[in-house]
Amino acid sequence: MRKRLIAAIGMLSVVLTSGCALNSSGPGQAAAPAADGALKGVSVNVGSKEFTEQLLLCEITAQRLESQGASVKRTCGMSGSSAVRSALVSGAIDTYWEYTGTGWLTHLQQTETINDPAVMYSKLSALDKSKNNIVWLPPASADNTYAIAVKSETAKKLGVSTISDYAKLTKTDPASASFCGASELFGRDDGWPGLKKAYGFDLPKDKVAELAEGPIYNAVAKGNPCNFGEAFATDGRIAALGLTVLTDDKHFFPPYNLSLNVRAAVLDKNPKIKTIMDPISKLLSTTELQKLNAQIDVDGKTPEEVASTWLSANKLK
């Protein structure tokens, strides 16, 4: 019953927050697919979550497929992992980029702790294919794992370099350990609740602030309303704002390697999608994504611009 309720809520979220995208291709749509190519005559609906990296990946995928003759509908920017996942499983979209840790812990609700990326991918891809007919294409080396960030000067002043150090700080000086996170982090077992349990700490409610994911980086850089905050390892603002990522010394956060998820029915009918997207996965390292994300979040470029320039530079468009 709980799984059906979550799926229903997810699909409702798709309709309410992304209704426009579900009925139109959205900004950045090429005038027309390439006149010829390996995917000529193929129609694909590409989706994504709402944050910068996902919007970028949605555009990279759409433009790459269009360059090979596919007609692409964009459903970029859906709110939350459950909404996009529900859209994929139901057939509302055909493909989107997901993170292995999210797939294993959230979508498949597995409790086994896996820290080896290769083992994670092997078990995850086999289970999701058999249970849901979802294919996880070979993952990128980019690992967008959760992280705890702090301004480098603040970290030095407080003597905090690991999450274990942070856990001690929550007990000796909870005001200095103030934390900002997004709603999804606070609601996930592989997020804040699990982190507190693994490291044996808690924090008074008035020292914890819930913000949208984007503003957290600036909040941490300014130390207002928090000194520490949720971050993602591939985010370009970490370096740009002079932040430090605390070492996850107990290896709580699992691998979150990127993999393009595709409905098996779509891939079986159009197997060339894998061949066409393979070069993308091979190029997407953690460092590469940090640079690309920074062009959007720091330099102010659009996902469409960054995707187009990057694909052209790598001769993939």
C-alpha atoms as a PDB file:
ATOM      1  CA  MET A   1       0.000   0.000   0.000  1.00  0.00           C
ATOM      2  CA  ARG A   2       2.829   2.399   0.940  1.00  0.00           C
ATOM      3  CA  LYS A   3       4.616   1.805  -2.378  1.00  0.00           C
ATOM      4  CA  ARG A   4       1.404   2.398  -4.329  1.00  0.00           C
ATOM      5  CA  LEU A   5       0.789   5.597  -2.384  1.00  0.00           C
ATOM      6  CA  ILE A   6       4.314   6.858  -3.060  1.00  0.00           C
ATOM      7  CA  ALA A   7       3.921   6.096  -6.765  1.00  0.00           C
ATOM      8  CA  ALA A   8       0.585   7.887  -6.869  1.00  0.00           C
ATOM      9  CA  ILE A   9       2.005  10.922  -5.118  1.00  0.00           C
ATOM     10  CA  GLY A  10       4.962  10.878  -7.492  1.00  0.00           C
ATOM     11  CA  MET A  11       2.752  10.880 -10.552  1.00  0.00           C
ATOM     12  CA  LEU A  12       0.592  13.634  -9.102  1.00  0.00           C
ATOM     13  CA  SER A  13       3.753  15.664  -8.603  1.00  0.00           C
ATOM     14  CA  VAL A  14       4.646  15.113 -12.252  1.00  0.00           C
ATOM     15  CA  VAL A  15       1.292  16.478 -13.324  1.00  0.00           C
ATOM     16  CA  LEU A  16       1.261  19.432 -10.946  1.00  0.00           C
ATOM     17  CA  THR A  17       4.862  20.574 -11.262  1.00  0.00           C
ATOM     18  CA  SER A  18       5.716  19.544 -14.787  1.00  0.00           C
ATOM     19  CA  GLY A  19       2.467  19.657 -16.706  1.00  0.00           C
ATOM     20  CA  CYS A  20       3.927  22.107 -19.191  1.00  0.00           C
ATOM     21  CA  ALA A  21       6.913  19.888 -19.890  1.00  0.00           C
ATOM     22  CA  LEU A  22       4.759  16.801 -20.277  1.00  0.00           C
ATOM     23  CA  ASN A  23       2.930  18.444 -23.160  1.00  0.00           C
ATOM     24  CA  SER A  24       5.694  20.325 -24.913  1.00  0.00           C
ATOM     25  CA  SER A  25       9.342  20.013 -25.734  1.00  0.00           C
ATOM     26  CA  GLY A  26      10.336  23.055 -23.693  1.00  0.00           C
ATOM     27  CA  PRO A  27      13.151  25.546 -24.225  1.00  0.00           C
ATOM     28  CA  GLY A  28      16.234  24.448 -26.075  1.00  0.00           C
ATOM     29  CA  GLN A  29      14.425  22.176 -28.511  1.00  0.00           C
ATOM     30  CA  ALA A  30      16.257  22.018 -31.800  1.00  0.00           C
ATOM     31  CA  ALA A  31      14.295  23.260 -34.809  1.00  0.00           C
ATOM     32  CA  ALA A  32      14.212  19.680 -36.035  1.00  0.00           C
ATOM     33  CA  PRO A  33      16.138  16.455 -35.557  1.00  0.00           C
ATOM     34  CA  ALA A  34      19.062  15.802 -37.848  1.00  0.00           C
ATOM     35  CA  ALA A  35      17.924  15.016 -41.364  1.00  0.00           C
ATOM     36  CA  ASP A  36      19.593  11.639 -41.132  1.00  0.00           C
ATOM     37  CA  GLY A  37      21.168   9.501 -38.426  1.00  0.00           C
ATOM     38  CA  ALA A  38      21.065   6.195 -36.577  1.00  0.00           C
ATOM     39  CA  LEU A  39      17.875   7.200 -34.745  1.00  0.00           C
ATOM     40  CA  LYS A  40      15.955   8.686 -37.660  1.00  0.00           C
ATOM     41  CA  GLY A  41      12.225   8.175 -37.087  1.00  0.00           C
ATOM     42  CA  VAL A  42      12.643   7.381 -33.368  1.00  0.00           C
ATOM     43  CA  SER A  43      10.707   9.413 -30.773  1.00  0.00           C
ATOM     44  CA  VAL A  44      12.113   9.681 -27.244  1.00  0.00           C
ATOM     45  CA  ASN A  45      10.810  11.485 -24.148  1.00  0.00           C
ATOM     46  CA  VAL A  46      13.752  12.576 -21.977  1.00  0.00           C
ATOM     47  CA  GLY A  47      13.117  13.529 -18.357  1.00  0.00           C
ATOM     48  CA  SER A  48      15.080  14.863 -15.393  1.00  0.00           C
ATOM     49  CA  LYS A  49      14.886  16.149 -11.847  1.00  0.00           C
ATOM     50  CA  GLU A  50      14.828  19.882 -11.156  1.00  0.00           C
ATOM     51  CA  PHE A  51      18.368  20.803 -10.073  1.00  0.00           C
ATOM     52  CA  THR A  52      21.192  22.167 -12.208  1.00  0.00           C
ATOM     53  CA  GLU A  53      23.063  18.959 -12.976  1.00  0.00           C
ATOM     54  CA  GLN A  54      19.889  17.135 -13.952  1.00  0.00           C
ATOM     55  CA  LEU A  55      18.726  19.965 -16.219  1.00  0.00           C
ATOM     56  CA  LEU A  56      22.137  19.895 -17.880  1.00  0.00           C
ATOM     57  CA  LEU A  57      22.051  16.111 -18.343  1.00  0.00           C
ATOM     58  CA  CYS A  58      18.543  16.341 -19.781  1.00  0.00           C
ATOM     59  CA  GLU A  59      19.788  18.800 -22.402  1.00  0.00           C
ATOM     60  CA  ILE A  60      22.954  16.819 -23.156  1.00  0.00           C
ATOM     61  CA  THR A  61      20.863  13.704 -23.733  1.00  0.00           C
ATOM     62  CA  ALA A  62      18.197  15.459 -25.787  1.00  0.00           C
ATOM     63  CA  GLN A  63      20.684  17.251 -28.034  1.00  0.00           C
ATOM     64  CA  ARG A  64      22.803  14.126 -28.495  1.00  0.00           C
ATOM     65  CA  LEU A  65      19.769  12.064 -29.523  1.00  0.00           C
ATOM     66  CA  GLU A  66      18.536  14.840 -31.813  1.00  0.00           C
ATOM     67  CA  SER A  67      21.935  14.941 -33.511  1.00  0.00           C
ATOM     68  CA  GLN A  68      21.349  11.319 -34.467  1.00  0.00           C
ATOM     69  CA  GLY A  69      17.943  11.977 -36.016  1.00  0.00           C
ATOM     70  CA  ALA A  70      15.641  11.282 -33.044  1.00  0.00           C
ATOM     71  CA  SER A  71      12.593  13.408 -32.340  1.00  0.00           C
ATOM     72  CA  VAL A  72      12.945  14.367 -28.677  1.00  0.00           C
ATOM     73  CA  LYS A  73      10.348  15.558 -26.210  1.00  0.00           C
ATOM     74  CA  ARG A  74      11.803  17.172 -23.090  1.00  0.00           C
ATOM     75  CA  THR A  75      10.287  16.627 -19.659  1.00  0.00           C
ATOM     76  CA  CYS A  76      13.132  18.306 -17.813  1.00  0.00           C
ATOM     77  CA  GLY A  77      12.786  19.653 -14.287  1.00  0.00           C
ATOM     78  CA  MET A  78      10.329  17.399 -12.492  1.00  0.00           C
ATOM     79  CA  SER A  79      10.231  17.854  -8.742  1.00  0.00           C
ATOM     80  CA  GLY A  80      11.887  15.090  -6.747  1.00  0.00           C
ATOM     81  CA  SER A  81      13.317  11.645  -7.387  1.00  0.00           C
ATOM     82  CA  SER A  82      10.031   9.805  -6.834  1.00  0.00           C
ATOM     83  CA  ALA A  83       8.241  11.878  -9.475  1.00  0.00           C
ATOM     84  CA  VAL A  84      10.788  11.178 -12.206  1.00  0.00           C
ATOM     85  CA  ARG A  85      11.098   7.537 -11.288  1.00  0.00           C
ATOM     86  CA  SER A  86       7.310   7.083 -11.341  1.00  0.00           C
ATOM     87  CA  ALA A  87       7.197   8.753 -14.754  1.00  0.00           C
ATOM     88  CA  LEU A  88       9.808   6.320 -16.083  1.00  0.00           C
ATOM     89  CA  VAL A  89       8.201   3.172 -14.684  1.00  0.00           C
ATOM     90  CA  SER A  90       4.746   4.221 -15.919  1.00  0.00           C
ATOM     91  CA  GLY A  91       5.998   5.081 -19.408  1.00  0.00           C
ATOM     92  CA  ALA A  92       5.307   8.824 -19.143  1.00  0.00           C
ATOM     93  CA  ILE A  93       8.990   9.325 -20.014  1.00  0.00           C
ATOM     94  CA  ASP A  94      11.464   6.960 -21.677  1.00  0.00           C
ATOM     95  CA  THR A  95      14.780   7.843 -20.098  1.00  0.00           C
ATOM     96  CA  TYR A  96      16.563   9.962 -17.486  1.00  0.00           C
ATOM     97  CA  TRP A  97      19.834   9.990 -15.563  1.00  0.00           C
ATOM     98  CA  GLU A  98      19.695   8.473 -12.093  1.00  0.00           C
ATOM     99  CA  TYR A  99      22.266   7.861  -9.367  1.00  0.00           C
ATOM    100  CA  THR A 100      23.126   4.300  -8.341  1.00  0.00           C
ATOM    101  CA  GLY A 101      22.800   4.980  -4.603  1.00  0.00           C
ATOM    102  CA  THR A 102      19.354   6.502  -5.118  1.00  0.00           C
ATOM    103  CA  GLY A 103      18.258   3.551  -7.214  1.00  0.00           C
ATOM    104  CA  TRP A 104      19.438   0.979  -4.695  1.00  0.00           C
ATOM    105  CA  LEU A 105      18.268   2.597  -1.473  1.00  0.00           C
ATOM    106  CA  THR A 106      15.286   4.719  -2.498  1.00  0.00           C
ATOM    107  CA  HIS A 107      13.700   3.196  -5.580  1.00  0.00           C
ATOM    108  CA  LEU A 108      14.392  -0.475  -4.819  1.00  0.00           C
ATOM    109  CA  GLN A 109      14.356   0.035  -1.037  1.00  0.00           C
ATOM    110  CA  GLN A 110      17.334  -2.226  -0.418  1.00  0.00           C
ATOM    111  CA  THR A 111      18.947  -2.187   3.021  1.00  0.00           C
ATOM    112  CA  GLU A 112      22.279  -3.849   2.192  1.00  0.00           C
ATOM    113  CA  THR A 113      25.185  -1.425   2.517  1.00  0.00           C
ATOM    114  CA  ILE A 114      27.375  -1.438  -0.602  1.00  0.00           C
ATOM    115  CA  ASN A 115      30.433   0.811  -0.876  1.00  0.00           C
ATOM    116  CA  ASP A 116      31.964  -0.723  -4.012  1.00  0.00           C
ATOM    117  CA  PRO A 117      30.610   1.144  -7.094  1.00  0.00           C
ATOM    118  CA  ALA A 118      31.013  -1.872  -9.397  1.00  0.00           C
ATOM    119  CA  VAL A 119      29.177  -4.206  -7.023  1.00  0.00           C
ATOM    120  CA  MET A 120      26.467  -1.610  -6.504  1.00  0.00           C
ATOM    121  CA  TYR A 121      25.903  -1.261 -10.249  1.00  0.00           C
ATOM    122  CA  SER A 122      25.914  -5.001 -10.875  1.00  0.00           C
ATOM    123  CA  LYS A 123      23.322  -5.802  -8.216  1.00  0.00           C
ATOM    124  CA  LEU A 124      21.194  -2.741  -8.913  1.00  0.00           C
ATOM    125  CA  SER A 125      21.006  -3.164 -12.678  1.00  0.00           C
ATOM    126  CA  ALA A 126      20.128  -6.862 -12.443  1.00  0.00           C
ATOM    127  CA  LEU A 127      17.415  -6.315  -9.812  1.00  0.00           C
ATOM    128  CA  ASP A 128      15.756  -3.333 -11.509  1.00  0.00           C
ATOM    129  CA  LYS A 129      15.690  -5.106 -14.859  1.00  0.00           C
ATOM    130  CA  SER A 130      14.031  -8.192 -13.401  1.00  0.00           C
ATOM    131  CA  LYS A 131      11.552  -6.339 -11.182  1.00  0.00           C
ATOM    132  CA  ASN A 132      10.667  -3.256 -13.220  1.00  0.00           C
ATOM    133  CA  ASN A 133      12.054  -3.767 -16.742  1.00  0.00           C
ATOM    134  CA  ILE A 134      14.298  -0.717 -16.306  1.00  0.00           C
ATOM    135  CA  VAL A 135      17.777  -0.830 -17.846  1.00  0.00           C
ATOM    136  CA  TRP A 136      20.703   0.958 -16.199  1.00  0.00           C
ATOM    137  CA  LEU A 137      23.262   1.689 -18.900  1.00  0.00           C
ATOM    138  CA  PRO A 138      26.971   1.443 -17.928  1.00  0.00           C
ATOM    139  CA  PRO A 139      27.605   4.201 -15.367  1.00  0.00           C
ATOM    140  CA  ALA A 140      29.832   7.230 -15.597  1.00  0.00           C
ATOM    141  CA  SER A 141      32.774   7.592 -13.228  1.00  0.00           C
ATOM    142  CA  ALA A 142      31.129  10.780 -11.918  1.00  0.00           C
ATOM    143  CA  ASP A 143      30.013  10.155  -8.343  1.00  0.00           C
ATOM    144  CA  ASN A 144      27.573  12.792  -7.176  1.00  0.00           C
ATOM    145  CA  THR A 145      27.448  11.519  -3.638  1.00  0.00           C
ATOM    146  CA  TYR A 146      25.954  13.502  -0.788  1.00  0.00           C
ATOM    147  CA  ALA A 147      28.516  15.552   1.103  1.00  0.00           C
ATOM    148  CA  ILE A 148      28.712  17.937   4.046  1.00  0.00           C
ATOM    149  CA  ALA A 149      30.262  21.268   3.095  1.00  0.00           C
ATOM    150  CA  VAL A 150      31.619  24.131   5.194  1.00  0.00           C
ATOM    151  CA  LYS A 151      33.508  27.319   4.402  1.00  0.00           C
ATOM    152  CA  SER A 152      37.211  26.450   4.383  1.00  0.00           C
ATOM    153  CA  GLU A 153      38.056  29.216   6.873  1.00  0.00           C
ATOM    154  CA  THR A 154      35.303  28.039   9.213  1.00  0.00           C
ATOM    155  CA  ALA A 155      36.472  24.432   9.009  1.00  0.00           C
ATOM    156  CA  LYS A 156      39.986  25.490   9.983  1.00  0.00           C
ATOM    157  CA  LYS A 157      38.746  27.696  12.810  1.00  0.00           C
ATOM    158  CA  LEU A 158      36.546  24.945  14.264  1.00  0.00           C
ATOM    159  CA  GLY A 159      39.073  22.165  13.667  1.00  0.00           C
ATOM    160  CA  VAL A 160      36.650  20.104  11.615  1.00  0.00           C
ATOM    161  CA  SER A 161      37.803  18.035   8.637  1.00  0.00           C
ATOM    162  CA  THR A 162      35.748  14.829   8.912  1.00  0.00           C
ATOM    163  CA  ILE A 163      32.117  14.043   9.636  1.00  0.00           C
ATOM    164  CA  SER A 164      33.281  12.444  12.894  1.00  0.00           C
ATOM    165  CA  ASP A 165      34.752  15.834  13.825  1.00  0.00           C
ATOM    166  CA  TYR A 166      31.413  17.416  12.978  1.00  0.00           C
ATOM    167  CA  ALA A 167      29.560  14.877  15.139  1.00  0.00           C
ATOM    168  CA  LYS A 168      31.744  15.891  18.115  1.00  0.00           C
ATOM    169  CA  LEU A 169      31.071  19.570  17.402  1.00  0.00           C
ATOM    170  CA  THR A 170      27.300  19.010  17.549  1.00  0.00           C
ATOM    171  CA  LYS A 171      27.758  17.925  21.176  1.00  0.00           C
ATOM    172  CA  THR A 172      30.292  20.523  22.332  1.00  0.00           C
ATOM    173  CA  ASP A 173      29.079  23.560  20.376  1.00  0.00           C
ATOM    174  CA  PRO A 174      25.718  22.939  18.640  1.00  0.00           C
ATOM    175  CA  ALA A 175      25.376  26.603  17.635  1.00  0.00           C
ATOM    176  CA  SER A 176      28.576  26.388  15.569  1.00  0.00           C
ATOM    177  CA  ALA A 177      27.374  23.081  14.086  1.00  0.00           C
ATOM    178  CA  SER A 178      24.248  24.690  12.578  1.00  0.00           C
ATOM    179  CA  PHE A 179      23.153  22.810   9.466  1.00  0.00           C
ATOM    180  CA  CYS A 180      21.185  23.539   6.278  1.00  0.00           C
ATOM    181  CA  GLY A 181      19.653  20.852   4.117  1.00  0.00           C
ATOM    182  CA  ALA A 182      16.947  20.320   1.514  1.00  0.00           C
ATOM    183  CA  SER A 183      13.669  18.546   2.191  1.00  0.00           C
ATOM    184  CA  GLU A 184      14.702  15.389   0.324  1.00  0.00           C
ATOM    185  CA  LEU A 185      17.868  14.965   2.424  1.00  0.00           C
ATOM    186  CA  PHE A 186      15.846  15.233   5.631  1.00  0.00           C
ATOM    187  CA  GLY A 187      13.384  12.598   4.445  1.00  0.00           C
ATOM    188  CA  ARG A 188      15.759   9.916   3.151  1.00  0.00           C
ATOM    189  CA  ASP A 189      17.341   7.053   5.081  1.00  0.00           C
ATOM    190  CA  ASP A 190      20.551   7.633   3.120  1.00  0.00           C
ATOM    191  CA  GLY A 191      20.342  11.306   4.117  1.00  0.00           C
ATOM    192  CA  TRP A 192      20.141  13.199   7.407  1.00  0.00           C
ATOM    193  CA  PRO A 193      18.329  10.554   9.547  1.00  0.00           C
ATOM    194  CA  GLY A 194      20.793   7.818   8.570  1.00  0.00           C
ATOM    195  CA  LEU A 195      23.794  10.107   8.897  1.00  0.00           C
ATOM    196  CA  LYS A 196      22.864  11.039  12.468  1.00  0.00           C
ATOM    197  CA  LYS A 197      22.439   7.391  13.361  1.00  0.00           C
ATOM    198  CA  ALA A 198      25.696   6.273  11.744  1.00  0.00           C
ATOM    199  CA  TYR A 199      27.775   8.983  13.402  1.00  0.00           C
ATOM    200  CA  GLY A 200      25.873   9.036  16.678  1.00  0.00           C
ATOM    201  CA  PHE A 201      24.821  12.663  16.887  1.00  0.00           C
ATOM    202  CA  ASP A 202      21.775  14.883  16.951  1.00  0.00           C
ATOM    203  CA  LEU A 203      21.218  18.615  16.624  1.00  0.00           C
ATOM    204  CA  PRO A 204      18.573  20.862  18.215  1.00  0.00           C
ATOM    205  CA  LYS A 205      15.764  21.701  15.797  1.00  0.00           C
ATOM    206  CA  ASP A 206      16.500  25.415  16.012  1.00  0.00           C
ATOM    207  CA  LYS A 207      20.013  24.732  14.677  1.00  0.00           C
ATOM    208  CA  VAL A 208      18.699  22.963  11.572  1.00  0.00           C
ATOM    209  CA  ALA A 209      17.270  24.912   8.616  1.00  0.00           C
ATOM    210  CA  GLU A 210      15.451  23.525   5.592  1.00  0.00           C
ATOM    211  CA  LEU A 211      16.298  25.398   2.378  1.00  0.00           C
ATOM    212  CA  ALA A 212      15.986  24.739  -1.327  1.00  0.00           C
ATOM    213  CA  GLU A 213      19.059  22.939  -2.636  1.00  0.00           C
ATOM    214  CA  GLY A 214      20.410  25.917  -4.613  1.00  0.00           C
ATOM    215  CA  PRO A 215      20.624  28.525  -1.826  1.00  0.00           C
ATOM    216  CA  ILE A 216      22.369  26.152   0.599  1.00  0.00           C
ATOM    217  CA  TYR A 217      25.820  26.800  -0.909  1.00  0.00           C
ATOM    218  CA  ASN A 218      25.603  30.571  -0.464  1.00  0.00           C
ATOM    219  CA  ALA A 219      24.150  30.125   3.017  1.00  0.00           C
ATOM    220  CA  VAL A 220      27.155  28.026   4.036  1.00  0.00           C
ATOM    221  CA  ALA A 221      29.599  30.441   2.402  1.00  0.00           C
ATOM    222  CA  LYS A 222      28.054  33.312   4.395  1.00  0.00           C
ATOM    223  CA  GLY A 223      27.599  31.272   7.575  1.00  0.00           C
ATOM    224  CA  ASN A 224      23.970  32.367   7.683  1.00  0.00           C
ATOM    225  CA  PRO A 225      21.768  30.655   8.716  1.00  0.00           C
ATOM    226  CA  CYS A 226      24.207  27.755   8.955  1.00  0.00           C
ATOM    227  CA  ASN A 227      27.906  26.935   9.013  1.00  0.00           C
ATOM    228  CA  PHE A 228      27.471  23.461   7.531  1.00  0.00           C
ATOM    229  CA  GLY A 229      25.207  22.235   4.785  1.00  0.00           C
ATOM    230  CA  GLU A 230      24.226  19.563   2.329  1.00  0.00           C
ATOM    231  CA  ALA A 231      26.250  19.517  -0.865  1.00  0.00           C
ATOM    232  CA  PHE A 232      26.720  17.306  -3.885  1.00  0.00           C
ATOM    233  CA  ALA A 233      30.218  16.207  -4.840  1.00  0.00           C
ATOM    234  CA  THR A 234      29.919  17.334  -8.473  1.00  0.00           C
ATOM    235  CA  ASP A 235      28.625  20.834  -7.709  1.00  0.00           C
ATOM    236  CA  GLY A 236      30.737  23.613  -9.225  1.00  0.00           C
ATOM    237  CA  ARG A 237      29.965  26.020  -6.388  1.00  0.00           C
ATOM    238  CA  ILE A 238      32.095  24.056  -3.910  1.00  0.00           C
ATOM    239  CA  ALA A 239      35.324  25.388  -5.397  1.00  0.00           C
ATOM    240  CA  ALA A 240      33.881  28.703  -6.556  1.00  0.00           C
ATOM    241  CA  LEU A 241      32.690  29.669  -3.066  1.00  0.00           C
ATOM    242  CA  GLY A 242      35.748  28.419  -1.201  1.00  0.00           C
ATOM    243  CA  LEU A 243      34.004  25.534   0.517  1.00  0.00           C
ATOM    244  CA  THR A 244      35.510  22.347   1.928  1.00  0.00           C
ATOM    245  CA  VAL A 245      33.850  18.939   1.842  1.00  0.00           C
ATOM    246  CA  LEU A 246      34.160  16.962   5.072  1.00  0.00           C
ATOM    247  CA  THR A 247      35.649  13.485   4.741  1.00  0.00           C
ATOM    248  CA  ASP A 248      33.037  10.765   5.166  1.00  0.00           C
ATOM    249  CA  ASP A 249      35.385   8.748   7.397  1.00  0.00           C
ATOM    250  CA  LYS A 250      32.786   6.068   8.211  1.00  0.00           C
ATOM    251  CA  HIS A 251      31.814   5.727   4.537  1.00  0.00           C
ATOM    252  CA  PHE A 252      28.145   6.301   5.267  1.00  0.00           C
ATOM    253  CA  PHE A 253      27.139   7.730   1.912  1.00  0.00           C
ATOM    254  CA  PRO A 254      26.986   5.032  -0.788  1.00  0.00           C
ATOM    255  CA  PRO A 255      28.231   5.495  -4.361  1.00  0.00           C
ATOM    256  CA  TYR A 256      26.027   7.751  -6.482  1.00  0.00           C
ATOM    257  CA  ASN A 257      27.416   7.114  -9.946  1.00  0.00           C
ATOM    258  CA  LEU A 258      25.396   8.446 -12.854  1.00  0.00           C
ATOM    259  CA  SER A 259      23.654   6.013 -15.169  1.00  0.00           C
ATOM    260  CA  LEU A 260      21.210   6.664 -17.963  1.00  0.00           C
ATOM    261  CA  ASN A 261      18.032   4.734 -17.125  1.00  0.00           C
ATOM    262  CA  VAL A 262      15.983   3.555 -20.085  1.00  0.00           C
ATOM    263  CA  ARG A 263      12.752   1.590 -20.263  1.00  0.00           C
ATOM    264  CA  ALA A 264      13.638  -1.866 -21.599  1.00  0.00           C
ATOM    265  CA  ALA A 265      10.782  -1.725 -24.103  1.00  0.00           C
ATOM    266  CA  VAL A 266      12.307   1.425 -25.619  1.00  0.00           C
ATOM    267  CA  LEU A 267      15.869   0.077 -25.646  1.00  0.00           C
ATOM    268  CA  ASP A 268      14.839  -3.276 -27.113  1.00  0.00           C
ATOM    269  CA  LYS A 269      13.172  -1.451 -29.984  1.00  0.00           C
ATOM    270  CA  ASN A 270      16.024   1.051 -30.390  1.00  0.00           C
ATOM    271  CA  PRO A 271      19.273  -0.627 -29.203  1.00  0.00           C
ATOM    272  CA  LYS A 272      21.397   2.042 -30.888  1.00  0.00           C
ATOM    273  CA  ILE A 273      20.481   4.424 -28.055  1.00  0.00           C
ATOM    274  CA  LYS A 274      23.070   2.640 -25.906  1.00  0.00           C
ATOM    275  CA  THR A 275      25.809   2.968 -28.520  1.00  0.00           C
ATOM    276  CA  ILE A 276      25.011   6.619 -29.089  1.00  0.00           C
ATOM    277  CA  MET A 277      25.000   7.489 -25.371  1.00  0.00           C
ATOM    278  CA  ASP A 278      28.074   5.448 -24.372  1.00  0.00           C
ATOM    279  CA  PRO A 279      30.567   8.243 -25.226  1.00  0.00           C
ATOM    280  CA  ILE A 280      28.652  10.611 -22.935  1.00  0.00           C
ATOM    281  CA  SER A 281      28.978   8.285 -19.942  1.00  0.00           C
ATOM    282  CA  LYS A 282      32.696   7.815 -20.576  1.00  0.00           C
ATOM    283  CA  LEU A 283      33.313  11.577 -20.534  1.00  0.00           C
ATOM    284  CA  LEU A 284      31.317  12.400 -17.412  1.00  0.00           C
ATOM    285  CA  SER A 285      33.812  12.401 -14.545  1.00  0.00           C
ATOM    286  CA  THR A 286      33.262  14.124 -11.203  1.00  0.00           C
ATOM    287  CA  THR A 287      35.709  16.870 -12.184  1.00  0.00           C
ATOM    288  CA  GLU A 288      34.115  17.340 -15.603  1.00  0.00           C
ATOM    289  CA  LEU A 289      30.663  17.739 -14.093  1.00  0.00           C
ATOM    290  CA  GLN A 290      31.958  20.225 -11.523  1.00  0.00           C
ATOM    291  CA  LYS A 291      33.225  22.373 -14.390  1.00  0.00           C
ATOM    292  CA  LEU A 292      30.008  22.092 -16.390  1.00  0.00           C
ATOM    293  CA  ASN A 293      27.786  22.783 -13.378  1.00  0.00           C
ATOM    294  CA  ALA A 294      29.911  25.828 -12.508  1.00  0.00           C
ATOM    295  CA  GLN A 295      29.300  27.294 -15.960  1.00  0.00           C
ATOM    296  CA  ILE A 296      25.599  27.368 -15.100  1.00  0.00           C
ATOM    297  CA  ASP A 297      25.564  28.165 -11.379  1.00  0.00           C
ATOM    298  CA  VAL A 298      28.587  30.464 -11.275  1.00  0.00           C
ATOM    299  CA  ASP A 299      28.936  31.896 -14.795  1.00  0.00           C
ATOM    300  CA  GLY A 300      25.206  32.224 -15.454  1.00  0.00           C
ATOM    301  CA  LYS A 301      24.996  30.221 -18.679  1.00  0.00           C
ATOM    302  CA  THR A 302      21.922  28.160 -19.506  1.00  0.00           C
ATOM    303  CA  PRO A 303      21.877  24.338 -19.514  1.00  0.00           C
ATOM    304  CA  GLU A 304      21.074  24.490 -23.234  1.00  0.00           C
ATOM    305  CA  GLU A 305      24.170  26.595 -23.951  1.00  0.00           C
ATOM    306  CA  VAL A 306      26.520  24.493 -21.861  1.00  0.00           C
ATOM    307  CA  ALA A 307      25.223  21.232 -23.297  1.00  0.00           C
ATOM    308  CA  SER A 308      25.530  22.430 -26.880  1.00  0.00           C
ATOM    309  CA  THR A 309      29.060  23.782 -26.441  1.00  0.00           C
ATOM    310  CA  TRP A 310      30.253  20.663 -24.618  1.00  0.00           C
ATOM    311  CA  LEU A 311      28.799  18.246 -27.156  1.00  0.00           C
ATOM    312  CA  SER A 312      30.302  20.232 -30.044  1.00  0.00           C
ATOM    313  CA  ALA A 313      33.711  20.397 -28.338  1.00  0.00           C
ATOM    314  CA  ASN A 314      33.678  16.611 -27.966  1.00  0.00           C
ATOM    315  CA  LYS A 315      32.445  16.077 -31.540  1.00  0.00           C
ATOM    316  CA  LEU A 316      29.222  14.510 -30.329  1.00  0.00           C
ATOM    317  CA  LYS A 317      26.830  16.854 -32.092  1.00  0.00           C
END
